[in-house]
Amino acid sequence: MPSYILQFNADTPKEEQEKVKKSVLDKGGKILHEYSLMGGFSFELPADHIQTLDAFPCVQNVEADSTVSTQ
């Protein structure tokens, strides 16, 4: 299953964040890590469900998780 990183808008209430997380879990996904500093989380989700997160106005962006290295 592909993994992604989601970032919330800065003013997103905790209740709205929980709704998004529940949606990921309800669609067969798995929360991998929560990022309190940036206000988001990493998760796995079947690729055919990723577009459903666009329905949440509190989501700033979603991008595929990848490995970053320096030289």
N, C-alpha and C. Protein backbone atom coordinates (compact mmCIF):
# COMPACT_ATOMS: atom_id res chain seq x y z
N MET A 1 0.85 -1.17 0.00
CA MET A 1 0.00 0.00 0.00
C MET A 1 0.90 1.24 0.00
N PRO A 2 0.61 2.23 -0.84
CA PRO A 2 1.44 3.43 -0.87
C PRO A 2 1.30 4.24 0.42
N SER A 3 2.35 4.98 0.76
CA SER A 3 2.29 5.84 1.95
C SER A 3 2.33 7.30 1.53
N TYR A 4 1.72 8.14 2.36
CA TYR A 4 1.54 9.56 2.07
C TYR A 4 1.78 10.38 3.33
N ILE A 5 1.97 11.68 3.13
CA ILE A 5 2.03 12.64 4.23
C ILE A 5 0.95 13.68 3.98
N LEU A 6 0.14 13.93 5.00
CA LEU A 6 -0.94 14.90 4.92
C LEU A 6 -0.64 16.04 5.87
N GLN A 7 -0.89 17.27 5.41
CA GLN A 7 -0.72 18.44 6.26
C GLN A 7 -2.05 19.19 6.34
N PHE A 8 -2.43 19.55 7.58
CA PHE A 8 -3.66 20.31 7.80
C PHE A 8 -3.39 21.80 7.68
N ASN A 9 -4.46 22.57 7.41
CA ASN A 9 -4.38 24.02 7.51
C ASN A 9 -4.03 24.36 8.96
N ALA A 10 -3.36 25.48 9.17
CA ALA A 10 -2.86 25.85 10.50
C ALA A 10 -3.95 25.97 11.56
N ASP A 11 -5.13 26.38 11.19
CA ASP A 11 -6.19 26.63 12.17
C ASP A 11 -7.18 25.47 12.31
N THR A 12 -6.80 24.28 11.88
CA THR A 12 -7.72 23.14 11.89
C THR A 12 -7.94 22.63 13.31
N PRO A 13 -9.21 22.62 13.77
CA PRO A 13 -9.50 22.09 15.11
C PRO A 13 -9.21 20.59 15.19
N LYS A 14 -8.91 20.13 16.38
CA LYS A 14 -8.60 18.72 16.63
C LYS A 14 -9.74 17.81 16.15
N GLU A 15 -10.99 18.24 16.33
CA GLU A 15 -12.14 17.43 15.93
C GLU A 15 -12.13 17.16 14.42
N GLU A 16 -11.78 18.18 13.64
CA GLU A 16 -11.72 18.02 12.18
C GLU A 16 -10.57 17.10 11.78
N GLN A 17 -9.45 17.22 12.48
CA GLN A 17 -8.31 16.33 12.21
C GLN A 17 -8.70 14.87 12.46
N GLU A 18 -9.44 14.65 13.52
CA GLU A 18 -9.87 13.28 13.85
C GLU A 18 -10.82 12.72 12.79
N LYS A 19 -11.66 13.56 12.20
CA LYS A 19 -12.55 13.11 11.12
C LYS A 19 -11.76 12.62 9.92
N VAL A 20 -10.69 13.34 9.58
CA VAL A 20 -9.85 12.95 8.45
C VAL A 20 -9.16 11.62 8.75
N LYS A 21 -8.61 11.49 9.94
CA LYS A 21 -7.94 10.24 10.34
C LYS A 21 -8.91 9.07 10.30
N LYS A 22 -10.13 9.30 10.79
CA LYS A 22 -11.15 8.24 10.77
C LYS A 22 -11.47 7.83 9.34
N SER A 23 -11.53 8.80 8.43
CA SER A 23 -11.78 8.50 7.02
C SER A 23 -10.69 7.60 6.45
N VAL A 24 -9.44 7.89 6.77
CA VAL A 24 -8.32 7.06 6.32
C VAL A 24 -8.49 5.63 6.83
N LEU A 25 -8.78 5.50 8.12
CA LEU A 25 -8.94 4.17 8.71
C LEU A 25 -10.15 3.43 8.13
N ASP A 26 -11.25 4.14 7.93
CA ASP A 26 -12.47 3.53 7.39
C ASP A 26 -12.28 3.00 5.96
N LYS A 27 -11.32 3.57 5.25
CA LYS A 27 -11.07 3.14 3.86
C LYS A 27 -9.94 2.12 3.77
N GLY A 28 -9.59 1.53 4.91
CA GLY A 28 -8.58 0.48 4.91
C GLY A 28 -7.16 0.96 5.09
N GLY A 29 -6.99 2.23 5.46
CA GLY A 29 -5.66 2.79 5.66
C GLY A 29 -5.13 2.55 7.05
N LYS A 30 -3.91 3.03 7.27
CA LYS A 30 -3.23 2.87 8.55
C LYS A 30 -2.45 4.15 8.83
N ILE A 31 -2.65 4.73 10.03
CA ILE A 31 -1.89 5.90 10.45
C ILE A 31 -0.51 5.42 10.89
N LEU A 32 0.54 6.01 10.32
CA LEU A 32 1.90 5.58 10.64
C LEU A 32 2.57 6.46 11.68
N HIS A 33 2.40 7.78 11.56
CA HIS A 33 3.05 8.71 12.49
C HIS A 33 2.31 10.04 12.47
N GLU A 34 2.22 10.68 13.63
CA GLU A 34 1.61 12.00 13.71
C GLU A 34 2.70 13.05 13.89
N TYR A 35 2.57 14.17 13.17
CA TYR A 35 3.55 15.25 13.21
C TYR A 35 2.90 16.47 13.85
N SER A 36 3.13 16.66 15.14
CA SER A 36 2.48 17.78 15.84
C SER A 36 3.07 19.12 15.42
N LEU A 37 4.35 19.18 15.11
CA LEU A 37 4.98 20.44 14.75
C LEU A 37 4.42 21.01 13.44
N MET A 38 4.22 20.15 12.45
CA MET A 38 3.71 20.62 11.16
C MET A 38 2.20 20.46 11.04
N GLY A 39 1.57 19.80 12.01
CA GLY A 39 0.13 19.62 11.97
C GLY A 39 -0.31 18.67 10.88
N GLY A 40 0.08 17.42 11.01
CA GLY A 40 -0.30 16.43 10.01
C GLY A 40 0.06 15.03 10.45
N PHE A 41 0.03 14.10 9.50
CA PHE A 41 0.36 12.72 9.81
C PHE A 41 0.76 11.98 8.55
N SER A 42 1.47 10.88 8.74
CA SER A 42 1.79 10.00 7.61
C SER A 42 0.88 8.79 7.72
N PHE A 43 0.58 8.21 6.57
CA PHE A 43 -0.38 7.11 6.55
C PHE A 43 -0.21 6.27 5.30
N GLU A 44 -0.74 5.07 5.35
CA GLU A 44 -0.86 4.20 4.18
C GLU A 44 -2.33 4.16 3.81
N LEU A 45 -2.60 4.15 2.50
CA LEU A 45 -3.97 4.11 2.01
C LEU A 45 -3.96 3.56 0.59
N PRO A 46 -4.91 2.68 0.26
CA PRO A 46 -4.98 2.22 -1.12
C PRO A 46 -5.09 3.43 -2.06
N ALA A 47 -4.32 3.40 -3.14
CA ALA A 47 -4.23 4.54 -4.06
C ALA A 47 -5.58 4.99 -4.61
N ASP A 48 -6.52 4.06 -4.77
CA ASP A 48 -7.81 4.45 -5.34
C ASP A 48 -8.68 5.24 -4.36
N HIS A 49 -8.24 5.40 -3.11
CA HIS A 49 -9.01 6.18 -2.13
C HIS A 49 -8.39 7.54 -1.81
N ILE A 50 -7.22 7.82 -2.34
CA ILE A 50 -6.51 9.05 -1.96
C ILE A 50 -7.29 10.31 -2.33
N GLN A 51 -8.01 10.30 -3.43
CA GLN A 51 -8.77 11.48 -3.86
C GLN A 51 -9.90 11.84 -2.90
N THR A 52 -10.36 10.89 -2.10
CA THR A 52 -11.46 11.17 -1.16
C THR A 52 -11.06 12.20 -0.11
N LEU A 53 -9.76 12.37 0.12
CA LEU A 53 -9.31 13.34 1.12
C LEU A 53 -9.46 14.78 0.64
N ASP A 54 -9.64 14.97 -0.66
CA ASP A 54 -9.87 16.31 -1.21
C ASP A 54 -11.19 16.91 -0.73
N ALA A 55 -12.08 16.08 -0.25
CA ALA A 55 -13.39 16.55 0.21
C ALA A 55 -13.30 17.31 1.55
N PHE A 56 -12.17 17.21 2.23
CA PHE A 56 -12.01 17.87 3.52
C PHE A 56 -11.33 19.23 3.33
N PRO A 57 -12.05 20.34 3.59
CA PRO A 57 -11.46 21.67 3.40
C PRO A 57 -10.28 21.95 4.34
N CYS A 58 -10.17 21.20 5.43
CA CYS A 58 -9.08 21.43 6.39
C CYS A 58 -7.75 20.84 5.93
N VAL A 59 -7.75 20.07 4.85
CA VAL A 59 -6.52 19.45 4.35
C VAL A 59 -5.80 20.44 3.44
N GLN A 60 -4.58 20.81 3.84
CA GLN A 60 -3.79 21.74 3.03
C GLN A 60 -3.16 21.03 1.85
N ASN A 61 -2.53 19.88 2.10
CA ASN A 61 -1.98 19.11 0.99
C ASN A 61 -1.71 17.67 1.40
N VAL A 62 -1.63 16.82 0.39
CA VAL A 62 -1.29 15.41 0.56
C VAL A 62 -0.25 15.10 -0.51
N GLU A 63 0.83 14.48 -0.10
CA GLU A 63 1.85 14.09 -1.08
C GLU A 63 2.37 12.70 -0.75
N ALA A 64 2.87 12.05 -1.77
CA ALA A 64 3.45 10.73 -1.58
C ALA A 64 4.67 10.83 -0.68
N ASP A 65 4.78 9.91 0.26
CA ASP A 65 5.93 9.86 1.14
C ASP A 65 7.10 9.27 0.36
N SER A 66 8.28 9.81 0.58
CA SER A 66 9.45 9.31 -0.14
C SER A 66 10.69 9.48 0.73
N THR A 67 11.74 8.81 0.36
CA THR A 67 13.00 8.91 1.07
C THR A 67 13.78 10.10 0.51
N VAL A 68 14.29 10.91 1.41
CA VAL A 68 15.09 12.06 1.03
C VAL A 68 16.51 11.83 1.54
N SER A 69 17.48 12.08 0.69
CA SER A 69 18.87 11.92 1.12
C SER A 69 19.72 13.07 0.59
N THR A 70 20.85 13.25 1.21
CA THR A 70 21.80 14.25 0.72
C THR A 70 23.01 13.52 0.19
N GLN A 71 23.27 13.69 -1.06
CA GLN A 71 24.36 13.07 -1.80
C GLN A 71 24.65 11.70 -1.34
